[in-house]
């Protein structure tokens, strides 16, 4: 379902009708333009290194004061 709305003082019904009729599922190129890069893609698919994880223990973030930068 596509639902469009606009300020009627600025956009007429025909403009909304044209926009609704032009709606379509995004293709690969449109998705590449719209969506952010996948997590880890900049590092070759490797997990992003986090600075707040302790080197020992259960791997939970370290929430001690001063660790957030």
PDB file of N, CA and C in Angstrom:
ATOM      1  N   UNK A   1       0.840  -1.160   0.000  1.00  0.00           N
ATOM      2  CA  UNK A   1       0.000   0.000   0.000  1.00  0.00           C
ATOM      3  C   UNK A   1       0.894   1.233   0.000  1.00  0.00           C
ATOM      4  N   UNK A   2       0.541   2.162  -0.831  1.00  0.00           N
ATOM      5  CA  UNK A   2       1.254   3.430  -0.886  1.00  0.00           C
ATOM      6  C   UNK A   2       0.282   4.515  -0.467  1.00  0.00           C
ATOM      7  N   UNK A   3       0.704   5.313   0.508  1.00  0.00           N
ATOM      8  CA  UNK A   3      -0.132   6.423   0.957  1.00  0.00           C
ATOM      9  C   UNK A   3       0.707   7.683   0.884  1.00  0.00           C
ATOM     10  N   UNK A   4       0.187   8.670   0.176  1.00  0.00           N
ATOM     11  CA  UNK A   4       0.881   9.943   0.036  1.00  0.00           C
ATOM     12  C   UNK A   4       0.035  11.036   0.654  1.00  0.00           C
ATOM     13  N   UNK A   5       0.693  12.026   1.186  1.00  0.00           N
ATOM     14  CA  UNK A   5      -0.017  13.194   1.692  1.00  0.00           C
ATOM     15  C   UNK A   5       0.864  14.404   1.487  1.00  0.00           C
ATOM     16  N   UNK A   6       0.214  15.562   1.448  1.00  0.00           N
ATOM     17  CA  UNK A   6       0.959  16.798   1.269  1.00  0.00           C
ATOM     18  C   UNK A   6       0.067  17.966   1.666  1.00  0.00           C
ATOM     19  N   UNK A   7       0.682  19.082   1.865  1.00  0.00           N
ATOM     20  CA  UNK A   7      -0.032  20.325   2.137  1.00  0.00           C
ATOM     21  C   UNK A   7      -0.807  20.699   0.872  1.00  0.00           C
ATOM     22  N   UNK A   8      -2.125  20.748   0.969  1.00  0.00           N
ATOM     23  CA  UNK A   8      -2.952  21.015  -0.219  1.00  0.00           C
ATOM     24  C   UNK A   8      -2.738  22.415  -0.781  1.00  0.00           C
ATOM     25  N   UNK A   9      -2.158  23.303  -0.018  1.00  0.00           N
ATOM     26  CA  UNK A   9      -1.847  24.640  -0.528  1.00  0.00           C
ATOM     27  C   UNK A   9      -0.607  24.630  -1.415  1.00  0.00           C
ATOM     28  N   UNK A  10       0.174  23.543  -1.310  1.00  0.00           N
ATOM     29  CA  UNK A  10       1.431  23.485  -2.073  1.00  0.00           C
ATOM     30  C   UNK A  10       1.452  22.403  -3.145  1.00  0.00           C
ATOM     31  N   UNK A  11       0.655  21.328  -2.963  1.00  0.00           N
ATOM     32  CA  UNK A  11       0.677  20.206  -3.903  1.00  0.00           C
ATOM     33  C   UNK A  11      -0.753  19.852  -4.288  1.00  0.00           C
ATOM     34  N   UNK A  12      -1.005  19.768  -5.579  1.00  0.00           N
ATOM     35  CA  UNK A  12      -2.363  19.433  -6.015  1.00  0.00           C
ATOM     36  C   UNK A  12      -2.548  17.917  -6.124  1.00  0.00           C
ATOM     37  N   UNK A  13      -3.794  17.489  -6.264  1.00  0.00           N
ATOM     38  CA  UNK A  13      -4.129  16.062  -6.306  1.00  0.00           C
ATOM     39  C   UNK A  13      -3.474  15.361  -7.495  1.00  0.00           C
ATOM     40  N   UNK A  14      -3.373  16.035  -8.610  1.00  0.00           N
ATOM     41  CA  UNK A  14      -2.778  15.398  -9.796  1.00  0.00           C
ATOM     42  C   UNK A  14      -1.303  15.068  -9.558  1.00  0.00           C
ATOM     43  N   UNK A  15      -0.590  15.954  -8.887  1.00  0.00           N
ATOM     44  CA  UNK A  15       0.811  15.686  -8.560  1.00  0.00           C
ATOM     45  C   UNK A  15       0.926  14.466  -7.655  1.00  0.00           C
ATOM     46  N   UNK A  16       0.043  14.373  -6.657  1.00  0.00           N
ATOM     47  CA  UNK A  16       0.044  13.193  -5.785  1.00  0.00           C
ATOM     48  C   UNK A  16      -0.318  11.937  -6.558  1.00  0.00           C
ATOM     49  N   UNK A  17      -1.264  12.046  -7.466  1.00  0.00           N
ATOM     50  CA  UNK A  17      -1.681  10.896  -8.279  1.00  0.00           C
ATOM     51  C   UNK A  17      -0.503  10.392  -9.123  1.00  0.00           C
ATOM     52  N   UNK A  18       0.210  11.301  -9.750  1.00  0.00           N
ATOM     53  CA  UNK A  18       1.377  10.918 -10.561  1.00  0.00           C
ATOM     54  C   UNK A  18       2.439  10.249  -9.679  1.00  0.00           C
ATOM     55  N   UNK A  19       2.671  10.807  -8.494  1.00  0.00           N
ATOM     56  CA  UNK A  19       3.654  10.223  -7.587  1.00  0.00           C
ATOM     57  C   UNK A  19       3.241   8.816  -7.170  1.00  0.00           C
ATOM     58  N   UNK A  20       1.956   8.632  -6.859  1.00  0.00           N
ATOM     59  CA  UNK A  20       1.477   7.302  -6.448  1.00  0.00           C
ATOM     60  C   UNK A  20       1.611   6.298  -7.579  1.00  0.00           C
ATOM     61  N   UNK A  21       1.291   6.708  -8.786  1.00  0.00           N
ATOM     62  CA  UNK A  21       1.390   5.795  -9.933  1.00  0.00           C
ATOM     63  C   UNK A  21       2.840   5.470 -10.277  1.00  0.00           C
ATOM     64  N   UNK A  22       3.751   6.328  -9.881  1.00  0.00           N
ATOM     65  CA  UNK A  22       5.175   6.103 -10.162  1.00  0.00           C
ATOM     66  C   UNK A  22       5.844   5.229  -9.109  1.00  0.00           C
ATOM     67  N   UNK A  23       5.151   4.978  -8.011  1.00  0.00           N
ATOM     68  CA  UNK A  23       5.745   4.179  -6.928  1.00  0.00           C
ATOM     69  C   UNK A  23       6.004   2.753  -7.405  1.00  0.00           C
ATOM     70  N   UNK A  24       7.136   2.195  -6.989  1.00  0.00           N
ATOM     71  CA  UNK A  24       7.506   0.834  -7.380  1.00  0.00           C
ATOM     72  C   UNK A  24       8.530   0.298  -6.380  1.00  0.00           C
ATOM     73  N   UNK A  25       8.661  -1.018  -6.303  1.00  0.00           N
ATOM     74  CA  UNK A  25       9.725  -1.563  -5.447  1.00  0.00           C
ATOM     75  C   UNK A  25      11.092  -1.094  -5.954  1.00  0.00           C
ATOM     76  N   UNK A  26      11.956  -0.753  -5.045  1.00  0.00           N
ATOM     77  CA  UNK A  26      13.280  -0.269  -5.429  1.00  0.00           C
ATOM     78  C   UNK A  26      14.093  -1.385  -6.073  1.00  0.00           C
ATOM     79  N   UNK A  27      14.828  -1.028  -7.136  1.00  0.00           N
ATOM     80  CA  UNK A  27      15.726  -2.004  -7.747  1.00  0.00           C
ATOM     81  C   UNK A  27      17.096  -1.920  -7.053  1.00  0.00           C
ATOM     82  N   UNK A  28      18.018  -2.762  -7.461  1.00  0.00           N
ATOM     83  CA  UNK A  28      19.328  -2.830  -6.808  1.00  0.00           C
ATOM     84  C   UNK A  28      20.053  -1.479  -6.812  1.00  0.00           C
ATOM     85  N   UNK A  29      20.023  -0.783  -7.943  1.00  0.00           N
ATOM     86  CA  UNK A  29      20.727   0.501  -8.041  1.00  0.00           C
ATOM     87  C   UNK A  29      20.097   1.531  -7.103  1.00  0.00           C
ATOM     88  N   UNK A  30      18.761   1.564  -7.028  1.00  0.00           N
ATOM     89  CA  UNK A  30      18.087   2.508  -6.131  1.00  0.00           C
ATOM     90  C   UNK A  30      18.398   2.185  -4.670  1.00  0.00           C
ATOM     91  N   UNK A  31      18.423   0.907  -4.328  1.00  0.00           N
ATOM     92  CA  UNK A  31      18.752   0.518  -2.968  1.00  0.00           C
ATOM     93  C   UNK A  31      20.176   0.914  -2.611  1.00  0.00           C
ATOM     94  N   UNK A  32      21.100   0.745  -3.545  1.00  0.00           N
ATOM     95  CA  UNK A  32      22.487   1.136  -3.306  1.00  0.00           C
ATOM     96  C   UNK A  32      22.593   2.631  -3.037  1.00  0.00           C
ATOM     97  N   UNK A  33      21.777   3.429  -3.746  1.00  0.00           N
ATOM     98  CA  UNK A  33      21.787   4.877  -3.549  1.00  0.00           C
ATOM     99  C   UNK A  33      21.141   5.287  -2.232  1.00  0.00           C
ATOM    100  N   UNK A  34      20.117   4.562  -1.800  1.00  0.00           N
ATOM    101  CA  UNK A  34      19.336   4.971  -0.633  1.00  0.00           C
ATOM    102  C   UNK A  34      19.834   4.422   0.695  1.00  0.00           C
ATOM    103  N   UNK A  35      20.283   3.185   0.706  1.00  0.00           N
ATOM    104  CA  UNK A  35      20.618   2.535   1.963  1.00  0.00           C
ATOM    105  C   UNK A  35      22.077   2.767   2.343  1.00  0.00           C
ATOM    106  N   UNK A  36      22.349   2.823   3.642  1.00  0.00           N
ATOM    107  CA  UNK A  36      23.742   2.972   4.073  1.00  0.00           C
ATOM    108  C   UNK A  36      24.534   1.708   3.757  1.00  0.00           C
ATOM    109  N   UNK A  37      25.836   1.862   3.735  1.00  0.00           N
ATOM    110  CA  UNK A  37      26.715   0.720   3.491  1.00  0.00           C
ATOM    111  C   UNK A  37      26.519  -0.315   4.595  1.00  0.00           C
ATOM    112  N   UNK A  38      26.573  -1.575   4.241  1.00  0.00           N
ATOM    113  CA  UNK A  38      26.379  -2.652   5.204  1.00  0.00           C
ATOM    114  C   UNK A  38      27.446  -2.591   6.294  1.00  0.00           C
ATOM    115  N   UNK A  39      27.078  -2.923   7.533  1.00  0.00           N
ATOM    116  CA  UNK A  39      28.074  -2.911   8.614  1.00  0.00           C
ATOM    117  C   UNK A  39      29.248  -3.830   8.279  1.00  0.00           C
ATOM    118  N   UNK A  40      30.428  -3.330   8.489  1.00  0.00           N
ATOM    119  CA  UNK A  40      31.617  -4.128   8.237  1.00  0.00           C
ATOM    120  C   UNK A  40      32.088  -4.101   6.788  1.00  0.00           C
ATOM    121  N   UNK A  41      31.296  -3.519   5.892  1.00  0.00           N
ATOM    122  CA  UNK A  41      31.676  -3.516   4.477  1.00  0.00           C
ATOM    123  C   UNK A  41      32.966  -2.731   4.248  1.00  0.00           C
ATOM    124  N   UNK A  42      33.151  -1.655   5.007  1.00  0.00           N
ATOM    125  CA  UNK A  42      34.365  -0.848   4.847  1.00  0.00           C
ATOM    126  C   UNK A  42      35.604  -1.609   5.300  1.00  0.00           C
ATOM    127  N   UNK A  43      35.415  -2.593   6.184  1.00  0.00           N
ATOM    128  CA  UNK A  43      36.561  -3.358   6.670  1.00  0.00           C
ATOM    129  C   UNK A  43      36.641  -4.725   6.000  1.00  0.00           C
ATOM    130  N   UNK A  44      36.085  -4.843   4.798  1.00  0.00           N
ATOM    131  CA  UNK A  44      36.155  -6.094   4.060  1.00  0.00           C
ATOM    132  C   UNK A  44      35.266  -7.179   4.635  1.00  0.00           C
ATOM    133  N   UNK A  45      34.175  -6.784   5.295  1.00  0.00           N
ATOM    134  CA  UNK A  45      33.257  -7.755   5.859  1.00  0.00           C
ATOM    135  C   UNK A  45      33.626  -8.228   7.252  1.00  0.00           C
ATOM    136  N   UNK A  46      34.722  -7.694   7.792  1.00  0.00           N
ATOM    137  CA  UNK A  46      35.144  -8.056   9.142  1.00  0.00           C
ATOM    138  C   UNK A  46      34.357  -7.235  10.163  1.00  0.00           C
ATOM    139  N   UNK A  47      34.162  -7.785  11.359  1.00  0.00           N
ATOM    140  CA  UNK A  47      33.458  -7.015  12.392  1.00  0.00           C
ATOM    141  C   UNK A  47      34.170  -5.699  12.682  1.00  0.00           C
ATOM    142  N   UNK A  48      33.395  -4.701  13.016  1.00  0.00           N
ATOM    143  CA  UNK A  48      33.951  -3.397  13.366  1.00  0.00           C
ATOM    144  C   UNK A  48      34.574  -3.495  14.749  1.00  0.00           C
ATOM    145  N   UNK A  49      35.774  -2.968  14.900  1.00  0.00           N
ATOM    146  CA  UNK A  49      36.465  -3.008  16.190  1.00  0.00           C
ATOM    147  C   UNK A  49      35.834  -1.994  17.131  1.00  0.00           C
ATOM    148  N   UNK A  50      35.421  -2.478  18.305  1.00  0.00           N
ATOM    149  CA  UNK A  50      34.833  -1.600  19.303  1.00  0.00           C
ATOM    150  C   UNK A  50      35.861  -1.310  20.372  1.00  0.00           C
ATOM    151  N   UNK A  51      35.898  -0.070  20.837  1.00  0.00           N
ATOM    152  CA  UNK A  51      36.862   0.311  21.859  1.00  0.00           C
ATOM    153  C   UNK A  51      36.355   0.148  23.274  1.00  0.00           C
ATOM    154  N   UNK A  52      35.075  -0.202  23.443  1.00  0.00           N
ATOM    155  CA  UNK A  52      34.534  -0.275  24.798  1.00  0.00           C
ATOM    156  C   UNK A  52      34.366  -1.704  25.304  1.00  0.00           C
ATOM    157  N   UNK A  53      34.864  -2.693  24.581  1.00  0.00           N
ATOM    158  CA  UNK A  53      34.745  -4.080  25.029  1.00  0.00           C
ATOM    159  C   UNK A  53      35.978  -4.474  25.826  1.00  0.00           C
ATOM    160  N   UNK A  54      35.767  -5.076  27.009  1.00  0.00           N
ATOM    161  CA  UNK A  54      36.916  -5.462  27.824  1.00  0.00           C
ATOM    162  C   UNK A  54      37.670  -6.633  27.191  1.00  0.00           C
ATOM    163  N   UNK A  55      38.972  -6.742  27.417  1.00  0.00           N
ATOM    164  CA  UNK A  55      39.754  -7.820  26.824  1.00  0.00           C
ATOM    165  C   UNK A  55      39.482  -9.172  27.480  1.00  0.00           C
ATOM    166  N   UNK A  56      38.907  -9.185  28.673  1.00  0.00           N
ATOM    167  CA  UNK A  56      38.595 -10.424  29.379  1.00  0.00           C
ATOM    168  C   UNK A  56      37.158 -10.379  29.865  1.00  0.00           C
ATOM    169  N   UNK A  57      36.602 -11.519  30.217  1.00  0.00           N
ATOM    170  CA  UNK A  57      35.254 -11.559  30.763  1.00  0.00           C
ATOM    171  C   UNK A  57      34.248 -11.997  29.716  1.00  0.00           C
ATOM    172  N   UNK A  58      33.002 -11.596  29.912  1.00  0.00           N
ATOM    173  CA  UNK A  58      31.918 -12.056  29.043  1.00  0.00           C
ATOM    174  C   UNK A  58      31.743 -11.236  27.768  1.00  0.00           C
ATOM    175  N   UNK A  59      32.560 -10.211  27.570  1.00  0.00           N
ATOM    176  CA  UNK A  59      32.469  -9.398  26.359  1.00  0.00           C
ATOM    177  C   UNK A  59      31.440  -8.301  26.421  1.00  0.00           C
ATOM    178  N   UNK A  60      30.836  -8.125  27.603  1.00  0.00           N
ATOM    179  CA  UNK A  60      29.863  -7.037  27.742  1.00  0.00           C
ATOM    180  C   UNK A  60      30.587  -5.701  27.675  1.00  0.00           C
ATOM    181  N   UNK A  61      29.935  -4.664  27.162  1.00  0.00           N
ATOM    182  CA  UNK A  61      30.587  -3.346  27.104  1.00  0.00           C
ATOM    183  C   UNK A  61      31.025  -2.882  28.490  1.00  0.00           C
ATOM    184  N   UNK A  62      32.107  -2.172  28.506  1.00  0.00           N
ATOM    185  CA  UNK A  62      32.635  -1.603  29.744  1.00  0.00           C
ATOM    186  C   UNK A  62      31.940  -0.263  29.970  1.00  0.00           C
ATOM    187  N   UNK A  63      31.115  -0.180  30.997  1.00  0.00           N
ATOM    188  CA  UNK A  63      30.349   1.041  31.264  1.00  0.00           C
ATOM    189  C   UNK A  63      30.939   1.880  32.391  1.00  0.00           C
ATOM    190  N   UNK A  64      32.184   1.647  32.709  1.00  0.00           N
ATOM    191  CA  UNK A  64      32.842   2.452  33.737  1.00  0.00           C
ATOM    192  C   UNK A  64      32.977   3.891  33.227  1.00  0.00           C
ATOM    193  N   UNK A  65      33.014   4.828  34.141  1.00  0.00           N
ATOM    194  CA  UNK A  65      33.159   6.233  33.787  1.00  0.00           C
ATOM    195  C   UNK A  65      34.404   6.501  32.961  1.00  0.00           C
ATOM    196  N   UNK A  66      34.277   7.360  31.973  1.00  0.00           N
ATOM    197  CA  UNK A  66      35.418   7.735  31.147  1.00  0.00           C
ATOM    198  C   UNK A  66      35.675   6.806  29.968  1.00  0.00           C
ATOM    199  N   UNK A  67      34.915   5.715  29.821  1.00  0.00           N
ATOM    200  CA  UNK A  67      35.175   4.793  28.718  1.00  0.00           C
ATOM    201  C   UNK A  67      34.503   5.219  27.432  1.00  0.00           C
ATOM    202  N   UNK A  68      33.577   6.175  27.514  1.00  0.00           N
ATOM    203  CA  UNK A  68      32.857   6.567  26.302  1.00  0.00           C
ATOM    204  C   UNK A  68      33.570   7.628  25.509  1.00  0.00           C
ATOM    205  N   UNK A  69      34.673   8.100  25.990  1.00  0.00           N
ATOM    206  CA  UNK A  69      35.444   9.067  25.248  1.00  0.00           C
ATOM    207  C   UNK A  69      35.244  10.406  25.786  1.00  0.00           C
TER     208      UNK A  69
END
